[in-house]
Amino acid sequence: MTETKPDKGYMPADLPVDPARIQVGRDADGQFRARWDGHSAVVRVTRCFPWTDAGRHISLRDDDDDEVALVTQLDELDDESRTMVERALAEAAFVLEITRVDALDEEFEIRQWKVQTKQGARTFQTRRDEWPRRVGDHGLLVREVAGDLFYIDNPEALDSASRRLLSVFLD
């Protein structure tokens, strides 16, 4: 039998929940929270692919990265929840574009990235088993451990040192 954290109150096997049963609000500390059937979870709101249809395929994920609900269309939610999800998506829509990779080091279960972005120098971490996703014909999308996104428009257009560091991710 699968164990669950005592404070979680629901089992991953009970997920995902029908979006019509979910109410999404915001806690006093600014975190988004989903409530359903006497349960609740702090959730991260993530837009799924394809990104071209902004109001569709939205995942609500808890702290363990379990999908609490998959919202296929925003109109599946009540008005207040829809407003909260739209707000969360707007806040999460900021994607940093990588222009150079300065270092890429692997530690036990983590990759440490040191990059230059259009917004300045950044350092972030990814899980070692989570690889960048292909986006479009050339782009790469990198999701760091906190859920923030970094985008590389065309890895082949980067300088040779950056391409060498990224070569493990390229075909």
N, C-alpha and C. Protein backbone atom coordinates (compact mmCIF):
# COMPACT_ATOMS: atom_id res chain seq x y z
N MET A 1 0.85 -1.19 0.00
CA MET A 1 0.00 0.00 0.00
C MET A 1 0.88 1.24 0.00
N THR A 2 0.51 2.24 -0.77
CA THR A 2 1.29 3.46 -0.89
C THR A 2 1.08 4.36 0.32
N GLU A 3 2.17 4.84 0.86
CA GLU A 3 2.10 5.77 1.99
C GLU A 3 1.95 7.19 1.45
N THR A 4 1.38 8.05 2.22
CA THR A 4 1.27 9.46 1.87
C THR A 4 1.74 10.29 3.04
N LYS A 5 2.12 11.52 2.78
CA LYS A 5 2.53 12.41 3.85
C LYS A 5 1.32 12.69 4.74
N PRO A 6 1.49 12.75 6.05
CA PRO A 6 0.35 12.95 6.95
C PRO A 6 -0.41 14.24 6.68
N ASP A 7 0.27 15.30 6.23
CA ASP A 7 -0.40 16.57 6.02
C ASP A 7 -1.03 16.69 4.64
N LYS A 8 -0.77 15.74 3.75
CA LYS A 8 -1.29 15.83 2.40
C LYS A 8 -2.78 15.51 2.35
N GLY A 9 -3.21 14.44 3.00
CA GLY A 9 -4.62 14.14 3.12
C GLY A 9 -5.28 13.50 1.91
N TYR A 10 -4.57 13.30 0.84
CA TYR A 10 -5.10 12.61 -0.33
C TYR A 10 -3.98 11.77 -0.91
N MET A 11 -4.37 10.81 -1.70
CA MET A 11 -3.40 9.89 -2.29
C MET A 11 -3.21 10.24 -3.77
N PRO A 12 -2.00 10.10 -4.28
CA PRO A 12 -1.79 10.32 -5.72
C PRO A 12 -2.70 9.46 -6.59
N ALA A 13 -3.08 8.29 -6.10
CA ALA A 13 -3.97 7.41 -6.86
C ALA A 13 -5.36 8.03 -7.04
N ASP A 14 -5.72 8.99 -6.16
CA ASP A 14 -7.02 9.66 -6.26
C ASP A 14 -7.01 10.81 -7.26
N LEU A 15 -5.88 11.05 -7.87
CA LEU A 15 -5.71 12.18 -8.77
C LEU A 15 -5.65 11.69 -10.21
N PRO A 16 -5.93 12.51 -11.19
CA PRO A 16 -6.37 13.89 -11.07
C PRO A 16 -7.86 13.99 -10.77
N VAL A 17 -8.22 15.14 -10.25
CA VAL A 17 -9.59 15.44 -9.87
C VAL A 17 -10.29 16.14 -11.05
N ASP A 18 -11.56 15.89 -11.21
CA ASP A 18 -12.35 16.57 -12.24
C ASP A 18 -12.30 18.08 -11.97
N PRO A 19 -11.91 18.90 -12.95
CA PRO A 19 -11.81 20.34 -12.73
C PRO A 19 -13.10 20.99 -12.25
N ALA A 20 -14.25 20.40 -12.55
CA ALA A 20 -15.52 20.97 -12.10
C ALA A 20 -15.65 20.90 -10.57
N ARG A 21 -14.88 20.01 -9.92
CA ARG A 21 -14.92 19.86 -8.46
C ARG A 21 -13.89 20.75 -7.77
N ILE A 22 -13.04 21.42 -8.51
CA ILE A 22 -11.93 22.20 -7.96
C ILE A 22 -12.35 23.66 -7.78
N GLN A 23 -11.90 24.24 -6.67
CA GLN A 23 -11.99 25.68 -6.47
C GLN A 23 -10.57 26.17 -6.23
N VAL A 24 -10.16 27.16 -7.00
CA VAL A 24 -8.80 27.69 -6.89
C VAL A 24 -8.87 29.08 -6.29
N GLY A 25 -8.06 29.30 -5.27
CA GLY A 25 -7.97 30.60 -4.62
C GLY A 25 -6.52 30.91 -4.32
N ARG A 26 -6.33 32.01 -3.61
CA ARG A 26 -4.98 32.43 -3.26
C ARG A 26 -4.88 32.58 -1.75
N ASP A 27 -3.86 31.97 -1.17
CA ASP A 27 -3.62 32.09 0.26
C ASP A 27 -3.05 33.46 0.59
N ALA A 28 -3.06 33.80 1.87
CA ALA A 28 -2.52 35.09 2.32
C ALA A 28 -1.06 35.26 1.96
N ASP A 29 -0.33 34.14 1.85
CA ASP A 29 1.10 34.22 1.50
C ASP A 29 1.33 34.30 0.00
N GLY A 30 0.27 34.35 -0.80
CA GLY A 30 0.39 34.52 -2.24
C GLY A 30 0.37 33.22 -3.03
N GLN A 31 0.39 32.08 -2.35
CA GLN A 31 0.37 30.81 -3.07
C GLN A 31 -1.03 30.47 -3.54
N PHE A 32 -1.10 29.81 -4.68
CA PHE A 32 -2.38 29.36 -5.21
C PHE A 32 -2.72 28.02 -4.57
N ARG A 33 -4.00 27.87 -4.21
CA ARG A 33 -4.45 26.65 -3.53
C ARG A 33 -5.70 26.13 -4.22
N ALA A 34 -5.68 24.82 -4.47
CA ALA A 34 -6.86 24.13 -5.01
C ALA A 34 -7.56 23.42 -3.85
N ARG A 35 -8.88 23.51 -3.83
CA ARG A 35 -9.69 22.84 -2.81
C ARG A 35 -10.73 21.97 -3.52
N TRP A 36 -10.95 20.77 -2.96
CA TRP A 36 -11.96 19.86 -3.50
C TRP A 36 -12.31 18.83 -2.45
N ASP A 37 -13.56 18.51 -2.32
CA ASP A 37 -14.05 17.40 -1.49
C ASP A 37 -13.38 17.34 -0.12
N GLY A 38 -13.18 18.47 0.55
CA GLY A 38 -12.56 18.48 1.86
C GLY A 38 -11.05 18.41 1.85
N HIS A 39 -10.44 18.36 0.68
CA HIS A 39 -8.98 18.34 0.55
C HIS A 39 -8.51 19.68 0.00
N SER A 40 -7.23 19.94 0.18
CA SER A 40 -6.65 21.13 -0.45
C SER A 40 -5.17 20.89 -0.68
N ALA A 41 -4.63 21.63 -1.64
CA ALA A 41 -3.20 21.53 -1.94
C ALA A 41 -2.74 22.86 -2.52
N VAL A 42 -1.56 23.28 -2.12
CA VAL A 42 -0.90 24.39 -2.79
C VAL A 42 -0.55 23.87 -4.18
N VAL A 43 -0.88 24.65 -5.20
CA VAL A 43 -0.64 24.19 -6.57
C VAL A 43 0.17 25.19 -7.37
N ARG A 44 0.88 24.63 -8.33
CA ARG A 44 1.59 25.39 -9.34
C ARG A 44 0.78 25.22 -10.61
N VAL A 45 0.47 26.31 -11.27
CA VAL A 45 -0.34 26.28 -12.48
C VAL A 45 0.61 26.30 -13.68
N THR A 46 0.49 25.27 -14.53
CA THR A 46 1.40 25.11 -15.64
C THR A 46 0.63 24.92 -16.94
N ARG A 47 1.00 25.68 -17.94
CA ARG A 47 0.38 25.52 -19.26
C ARG A 47 1.08 24.36 -19.95
N CYS A 48 0.29 23.45 -20.49
CA CYS A 48 0.84 22.30 -21.22
C CYS A 48 0.92 22.63 -22.70
N PHE A 49 1.61 21.80 -23.43
CA PHE A 49 1.70 21.97 -24.87
C PHE A 49 0.38 21.58 -25.50
N PRO A 50 -0.07 22.16 -26.58
CA PRO A 50 0.61 23.23 -27.30
C PRO A 50 0.35 24.58 -26.65
N TRP A 51 1.32 25.45 -26.67
CA TRP A 51 1.18 26.77 -26.08
C TRP A 51 0.40 27.73 -26.96
N THR A 52 0.10 27.32 -28.17
CA THR A 52 -0.60 28.20 -29.09
C THR A 52 -2.05 28.42 -28.69
N ASP A 53 -2.60 27.57 -27.86
CA ASP A 53 -3.98 27.70 -27.41
C ASP A 53 -3.96 27.97 -25.91
N ALA A 54 -3.81 29.25 -25.56
CA ALA A 54 -3.50 29.65 -24.18
C ALA A 54 -4.55 29.25 -23.14
N GLY A 55 -5.78 29.09 -23.51
CA GLY A 55 -6.83 28.79 -22.54
C GLY A 55 -7.13 27.31 -22.40
N ARG A 56 -6.28 26.47 -22.94
CA ARG A 56 -6.54 25.03 -22.92
C ARG A 56 -5.35 24.27 -22.34
N HIS A 57 -5.62 23.09 -21.79
CA HIS A 57 -4.59 22.17 -21.32
C HIS A 57 -3.69 22.81 -20.26
N ILE A 58 -4.28 23.02 -19.10
CA ILE A 58 -3.58 23.65 -17.98
C ILE A 58 -3.54 22.64 -16.83
N SER A 59 -2.33 22.41 -16.33
CA SER A 59 -2.13 21.43 -15.27
C SER A 59 -1.97 22.14 -13.94
N LEU A 60 -2.69 21.66 -12.92
CA LEU A 60 -2.52 22.13 -11.55
C LEU A 60 -1.74 21.05 -10.82
N ARG A 61 -0.52 21.38 -10.36
CA ARG A 61 0.39 20.40 -9.76
C ARG A 61 0.71 20.76 -8.32
N ASP A 62 0.72 19.73 -7.47
CA ASP A 62 1.02 19.96 -6.05
C ASP A 62 2.54 20.00 -5.81
N ASP A 63 2.93 20.11 -4.54
CA ASP A 63 4.35 20.21 -4.18
C ASP A 63 5.15 18.97 -4.56
N ASP A 64 4.49 17.83 -4.69
CA ASP A 64 5.17 16.60 -5.10
C ASP A 64 5.15 16.41 -6.61
N ASP A 65 4.68 17.42 -7.33
CA ASP A 65 4.56 17.42 -8.79
C ASP A 65 3.51 16.43 -9.28
N ASP A 66 2.57 16.04 -8.40
CA ASP A 66 1.43 15.22 -8.81
C ASP A 66 0.39 16.14 -9.43
N GLU A 67 -0.21 15.69 -10.51
CA GLU A 67 -1.23 16.48 -11.17
C GLU A 67 -2.54 16.38 -10.40
N VAL A 68 -2.95 17.49 -9.77
CA VAL A 68 -4.19 17.54 -9.03
C VAL A 68 -5.36 17.59 -10.00
N ALA A 69 -5.23 18.37 -11.06
CA ALA A 69 -6.28 18.46 -12.08
C ALA A 69 -5.68 18.89 -13.40
N LEU A 70 -6.27 18.41 -14.48
CA LEU A 70 -5.93 18.85 -15.83
C LEU A 70 -7.15 19.58 -16.38
N VAL A 71 -6.99 20.87 -16.57
CA VAL A 71 -8.08 21.70 -17.07
C VAL A 71 -7.92 21.76 -18.59
N THR A 72 -8.83 21.12 -19.32
CA THR A 72 -8.71 21.12 -20.77
C THR A 72 -9.21 22.43 -21.37
N GLN A 73 -10.17 23.08 -20.68
CA GLN A 73 -10.66 24.39 -21.09
C GLN A 73 -10.97 25.19 -19.84
N LEU A 74 -10.63 26.48 -19.85
CA LEU A 74 -10.84 27.31 -18.67
C LEU A 74 -12.30 27.38 -18.25
N ASP A 75 -13.22 27.21 -19.18
CA ASP A 75 -14.64 27.29 -18.81
C ASP A 75 -15.11 26.07 -18.01
N GLU A 76 -14.23 25.10 -17.76
CA GLU A 76 -14.56 24.00 -16.86
C GLU A 76 -14.55 24.45 -15.40
N LEU A 77 -13.95 25.61 -15.14
CA LEU A 77 -13.81 26.14 -13.78
C LEU A 77 -14.89 27.18 -13.49
N ASP A 78 -15.20 27.35 -12.21
CA ASP A 78 -16.11 28.44 -11.84
C ASP A 78 -15.39 29.77 -12.08
N ASP A 79 -16.16 30.87 -12.06
CA ASP A 79 -15.60 32.18 -12.42
C ASP A 79 -14.40 32.59 -11.56
N GLU A 80 -14.50 32.42 -10.25
CA GLU A 80 -13.40 32.81 -9.37
C GLU A 80 -12.16 31.96 -9.62
N SER A 81 -12.35 30.67 -9.79
CA SER A 81 -11.22 29.77 -10.06
C SER A 81 -10.58 30.11 -11.40
N ARG A 82 -11.40 30.39 -12.40
CA ARG A 82 -10.88 30.75 -13.72
C ARG A 82 -10.02 32.01 -13.61
N THR A 83 -10.49 33.00 -12.86
CA THR A 83 -9.72 34.23 -12.66
C THR A 83 -8.39 33.95 -11.98
N MET A 84 -8.40 33.09 -10.97
CA MET A 84 -7.16 32.74 -10.25
C MET A 84 -6.18 32.01 -11.16
N VAL A 85 -6.68 31.07 -11.96
CA VAL A 85 -5.81 30.32 -12.87
C VAL A 85 -5.24 31.26 -13.94
N GLU A 86 -6.05 32.15 -14.47
CA GLU A 86 -5.55 33.12 -15.45
C GLU A 86 -4.47 34.01 -14.83
N ARG A 87 -4.67 34.42 -13.58
CA ARG A 87 -3.67 35.24 -12.88
C ARG A 87 -2.37 34.46 -12.70
N ALA A 88 -2.49 33.20 -12.30
CA ALA A 88 -1.30 32.35 -12.11
C ALA A 88 -0.55 32.16 -13.43
N LEU A 89 -1.29 31.97 -14.51
CA LEU A 89 -0.65 31.82 -15.82
C LEU A 89 0.06 33.09 -16.24
N ALA A 90 -0.55 34.23 -15.98
CA ALA A 90 0.09 35.51 -16.34
C ALA A 90 1.37 35.71 -15.54
N GLU A 91 1.35 35.33 -14.27
CA GLU A 91 2.55 35.47 -13.44
C GLU A 91 3.64 34.49 -13.86
N ALA A 92 3.25 33.34 -14.36
CA ALA A 92 4.22 32.30 -14.72
C ALA A 92 4.71 32.42 -16.16
N ALA A 93 4.15 33.34 -16.92
CA ALA A 93 4.45 33.42 -18.35
C ALA A 93 5.83 33.99 -18.65
N PHE A 94 6.55 34.44 -17.65
CA PHE A 94 7.85 35.04 -17.86
C PHE A 94 8.87 33.95 -18.13
N VAL A 95 9.42 33.92 -19.33
CA VAL A 95 10.41 32.93 -19.73
C VAL A 95 11.69 33.67 -20.09
N LEU A 96 12.80 33.27 -19.48
CA LEU A 96 14.10 33.89 -19.76
C LEU A 96 14.72 33.22 -20.98
N GLU A 97 15.27 34.02 -21.88
CA GLU A 97 15.90 33.48 -23.09
C GLU A 97 17.41 33.42 -22.91
N ILE A 98 17.95 32.23 -23.00
CA ILE A 98 19.39 32.00 -22.85
C ILE A 98 20.10 32.42 -24.13
N THR A 99 21.16 33.23 -23.98
CA THR A 99 21.97 33.66 -25.12
C THR A 99 23.36 33.05 -25.11
N ARG A 100 23.78 32.52 -23.96
CA ARG A 100 25.08 31.86 -23.84
C ARG A 100 25.07 30.95 -22.63
N VAL A 101 25.73 29.81 -22.75
CA VAL A 101 25.89 28.89 -21.63
C VAL A 101 27.35 28.98 -21.19
N ASP A 102 27.57 29.45 -19.94
CA ASP A 102 28.93 29.61 -19.42
C ASP A 102 29.44 28.33 -18.75
N ALA A 103 28.57 27.60 -18.08
CA ALA A 103 28.98 26.37 -17.40
C ALA A 103 27.77 25.47 -17.22
N LEU A 104 28.02 24.19 -17.26
CA LEU A 104 26.98 23.19 -17.05
C LEU A 104 27.64 22.03 -16.30
N ASP A 105 27.41 21.99 -15.00
CA ASP A 105 28.06 21.00 -14.14
C ASP A 105 27.04 20.03 -13.57
N GLU A 106 27.44 18.76 -13.50
CA GLU A 106 26.57 17.74 -12.92
C GLU A 106 27.07 17.40 -11.53
N GLU A 107 26.13 17.41 -10.61
CA GLU A 107 26.40 16.96 -9.25
C GLU A 107 25.51 15.74 -9.03
N PHE A 108 25.43 15.25 -7.83
CA PHE A 108 24.75 14.01 -7.52
C PHE A 108 23.45 13.81 -8.32
N GLU A 109 22.42 14.55 -8.08
CA GLU A 109 21.14 14.42 -8.79
C GLU A 109 20.74 15.72 -9.47
N ILE A 110 21.67 16.66 -9.58
CA ILE A 110 21.35 18.01 -10.04
C ILE A 110 22.33 18.43 -11.13
N ARG A 111 21.83 19.21 -12.08
CA ARG A 111 22.70 19.93 -13.03
C ARG A 111 22.68 21.40 -12.63
N GLN A 112 23.84 21.98 -12.54
CA GLN A 112 23.98 23.40 -12.21
C GLN A 112 24.30 24.15 -13.50
N TRP A 113 23.43 25.10 -13.86
CA TRP A 113 23.59 25.88 -15.08
C TRP A 113 24.06 27.29 -14.73
N LYS A 114 25.03 27.80 -15.45
CA LYS A 114 25.42 29.21 -15.38
C LYS A 114 25.28 29.74 -16.80
N VAL A 115 24.39 30.69 -16.96
CA VAL A 115 24.04 31.16 -18.31
C VAL A 115 23.96 32.68 -18.35
N GLN A 116 23.99 33.18 -19.57
CA GLN A 116 23.66 34.57 -19.84
C GLN A 116 22.31 34.56 -20.53
N THR A 117 21.43 35.46 -20.12
CA THR A 117 20.12 35.59 -20.75
C THR A 117 19.98 37.01 -21.27
N LYS A 118 18.95 37.25 -22.03
CA LYS A 118 18.67 38.63 -22.48
C LYS A 118 18.42 39.55 -21.29
N GLN A 119 18.07 38.95 -20.15
CA GLN A 119 17.79 39.71 -18.94
C GLN A 119 18.99 39.77 -17.99
N GLY A 120 20.13 39.17 -18.37
CA GLY A 120 21.33 39.20 -17.53
C GLY A 120 21.78 37.80 -17.12
N ALA A 121 22.84 37.74 -16.32
CA ALA A 121 23.42 36.47 -15.87
C ALA A 121 22.47 35.76 -14.91
N ARG A 122 22.40 34.44 -15.04
CA ARG A 122 21.55 33.64 -14.17
C ARG A 122 22.26 32.33 -13.84
N THR A 123 21.97 31.82 -12.67
CA THR A 123 22.40 30.48 -12.25
C THR A 123 21.15 29.75 -11.80
N PHE A 124 20.98 28.52 -12.27
CA PHE A 124 19.82 27.74 -11.87
C PHE A 124 20.17 26.26 -11.89
N GLN A 125 19.27 25.45 -11.37
CA GLN A 125 19.49 24.00 -11.30
C GLN A 125 18.33 23.27 -11.97
N THR A 126 18.67 22.13 -12.57
CA THR A 126 17.66 21.22 -13.09
C THR A 126 17.93 19.84 -12.50
N ARG A 127 16.90 19.03 -12.47
CA ARG A 127 17.10 17.64 -12.05
C ARG A 127 17.94 16.95 -13.13
N ARG A 128 18.80 16.08 -12.69
CA ARG A 128 19.70 15.41 -13.63
C ARG A 128 18.94 14.56 -14.64
N ASP A 129 17.81 14.01 -14.23
CA ASP A 129 17.03 13.16 -15.14
C ASP A 129 15.99 13.92 -15.95
N GLU A 130 15.96 15.24 -15.81
CA GLU A 130 15.01 16.04 -16.60
C GLU A 130 15.78 16.77 -17.70
N TRP A 131 15.47 16.40 -18.91
CA TRP A 131 16.20 16.93 -20.07
C TRP A 131 15.40 18.06 -20.71
N PRO A 132 16.07 18.99 -21.36
CA PRO A 132 15.36 20.05 -22.08
C PRO A 132 14.43 19.47 -23.13
N ARG A 133 13.32 20.15 -23.36
CA ARG A 133 12.34 19.71 -24.37
C ARG A 133 12.54 20.49 -25.65
N ARG A 134 12.35 19.82 -26.75
CA ARG A 134 12.38 20.48 -28.06
C ARG A 134 11.11 21.30 -28.21
N VAL A 135 11.27 22.51 -28.74
CA VAL A 135 10.14 23.39 -29.00
C VAL A 135 10.29 23.89 -30.43
N GLY A 136 9.30 23.63 -31.25
CA GLY A 136 9.38 24.05 -32.64
C GLY A 136 10.47 23.30 -33.37
N ASP A 137 11.02 23.93 -34.41
CA ASP A 137 12.04 23.28 -35.23
C ASP A 137 13.41 23.24 -34.57
N HIS A 138 13.76 24.26 -33.79
CA HIS A 138 15.12 24.37 -33.27
C HIS A 138 15.21 24.60 -31.77
N GLY A 139 14.18 25.16 -31.15
CA GLY A 139 14.29 25.63 -29.78
C GLY A 139 14.37 24.54 -28.73
N LEU A 140 14.93 24.92 -27.58
CA LEU A 140 14.97 24.06 -26.41
C LEU A 140 14.34 24.80 -25.24
N LEU A 141 13.56 24.10 -24.46
CA LEU A 141 12.95 24.66 -23.27
C LEU A 141 13.49 23.90 -22.06
N VAL A 142 14.07 24.65 -21.11
CA VAL A 142 14.68 24.07 -19.92
C VAL A 142 13.84 24.49 -18.72
N ARG A 143 13.42 23.52 -17.91
CA ARG A 143 12.62 23.81 -16.71
C ARG A 143 13.50 23.56 -15.49
N GLU A 144 13.71 24.63 -14.71
CA GLU A 144 14.55 24.48 -13.52
C GLU A 144 13.74 23.89 -12.37
N VAL A 145 14.43 23.50 -11.28
CA VAL A 145 13.75 22.76 -10.22
C VAL A 145 12.60 23.52 -9.58
N ALA A 146 12.63 24.84 -9.59
CA ALA A 146 11.54 25.63 -9.01
C ALA A 146 10.39 25.84 -10.00
N GLY A 147 10.55 25.35 -11.24
CA GLY A 147 9.49 25.46 -12.23
C GLY A 147 9.65 26.59 -13.21
N ASP A 148 10.64 27.47 -13.02
CA ASP A 148 10.86 28.56 -13.97
C ASP A 148 11.37 28.00 -15.29
N LEU A 149 11.09 28.72 -16.37
CA LEU A 149 11.45 28.25 -17.70
C LEU A 149 12.54 29.11 -18.32
N PHE A 150 13.45 28.44 -19.01
CA PHE A 150 14.50 29.08 -19.77
C PHE A 150 14.40 28.55 -21.19
N TYR A 151 14.57 29.44 -22.16
CA TYR A 151 14.37 29.08 -23.56
C TYR A 151 15.64 29.37 -24.35
N ILE A 152 16.01 28.45 -25.21
CA ILE A 152 17.11 28.65 -26.15
C ILE A 152 16.49 28.59 -27.53
N ASP A 153 16.47 29.73 -28.22
CA ASP A 153 15.79 29.83 -29.51
C ASP A 153 16.38 28.87 -30.53
N ASN A 154 17.69 28.89 -30.69
CA ASN A 154 18.36 28.02 -31.65
C ASN A 154 19.73 27.68 -31.12
N PRO A 155 19.90 26.53 -30.49
CA PRO A 155 21.19 26.17 -29.90
C PRO A 155 22.33 26.19 -30.91
N GLU A 156 22.05 25.89 -32.17
CA GLU A 156 23.10 25.88 -33.20
C GLU A 156 23.62 27.28 -33.50
N ALA A 157 22.84 28.31 -33.13
CA ALA A 157 23.26 29.69 -33.38
C ALA A 157 24.10 30.27 -32.24
N LEU A 158 24.26 29.51 -31.14
CA LEU A 158 25.06 29.98 -30.01
C LEU A 158 26.55 29.86 -30.33
N ASP A 159 27.38 30.47 -29.49
CA ASP A 159 28.83 30.37 -29.67
C ASP A 159 29.28 28.91 -29.50
N SER A 160 30.50 28.60 -29.97
CA SER A 160 30.97 27.21 -29.98
C SER A 160 31.08 26.62 -28.57
N ALA A 161 31.49 27.40 -27.57
CA ALA A 161 31.60 26.90 -26.20
C ALA A 161 30.22 26.50 -25.67
N SER A 162 29.21 27.32 -25.94
CA SER A 162 27.84 27.00 -25.51
C SER A 162 27.34 25.74 -26.20
N ARG A 163 27.59 25.64 -27.50
CA ARG A 163 27.16 24.45 -28.25
C ARG A 163 27.83 23.19 -27.71
N ARG A 164 29.11 23.29 -27.36
CA ARG A 164 29.85 22.15 -26.82
C ARG A 164 29.20 21.69 -25.49
N LEU A 165 28.86 22.65 -24.62
CA LEU A 165 28.23 22.31 -23.35
C LEU A 165 26.84 21.70 -23.54
N LEU A 166 26.14 22.17 -24.56
CA LEU A 166 24.78 21.67 -24.82
C LEU A 166 24.76 20.42 -25.70
N SER A 167 25.89 19.99 -26.20
CA SER A 167 25.94 18.91 -27.18
C SER A 167 25.26 17.63 -26.68
N VAL A 168 25.30 17.37 -25.39
CA VAL A 168 24.66 16.18 -24.84
C VAL A 168 23.13 16.22 -25.04
N PHE A 169 22.55 17.41 -25.20
CA PHE A 169 21.11 17.56 -25.36
C PHE A 169 20.67 17.63 -26.82
N LEU A 170 21.64 17.76 -27.72
CA LEU A 170 21.32 17.94 -29.12
C LEU A 170 21.45 16.63 -29.88
N ASP A 171 20.65 16.47 -30.92
CA ASP A 171 20.70 15.23 -31.74
C ASP A 171 21.95 15.17 -32.56
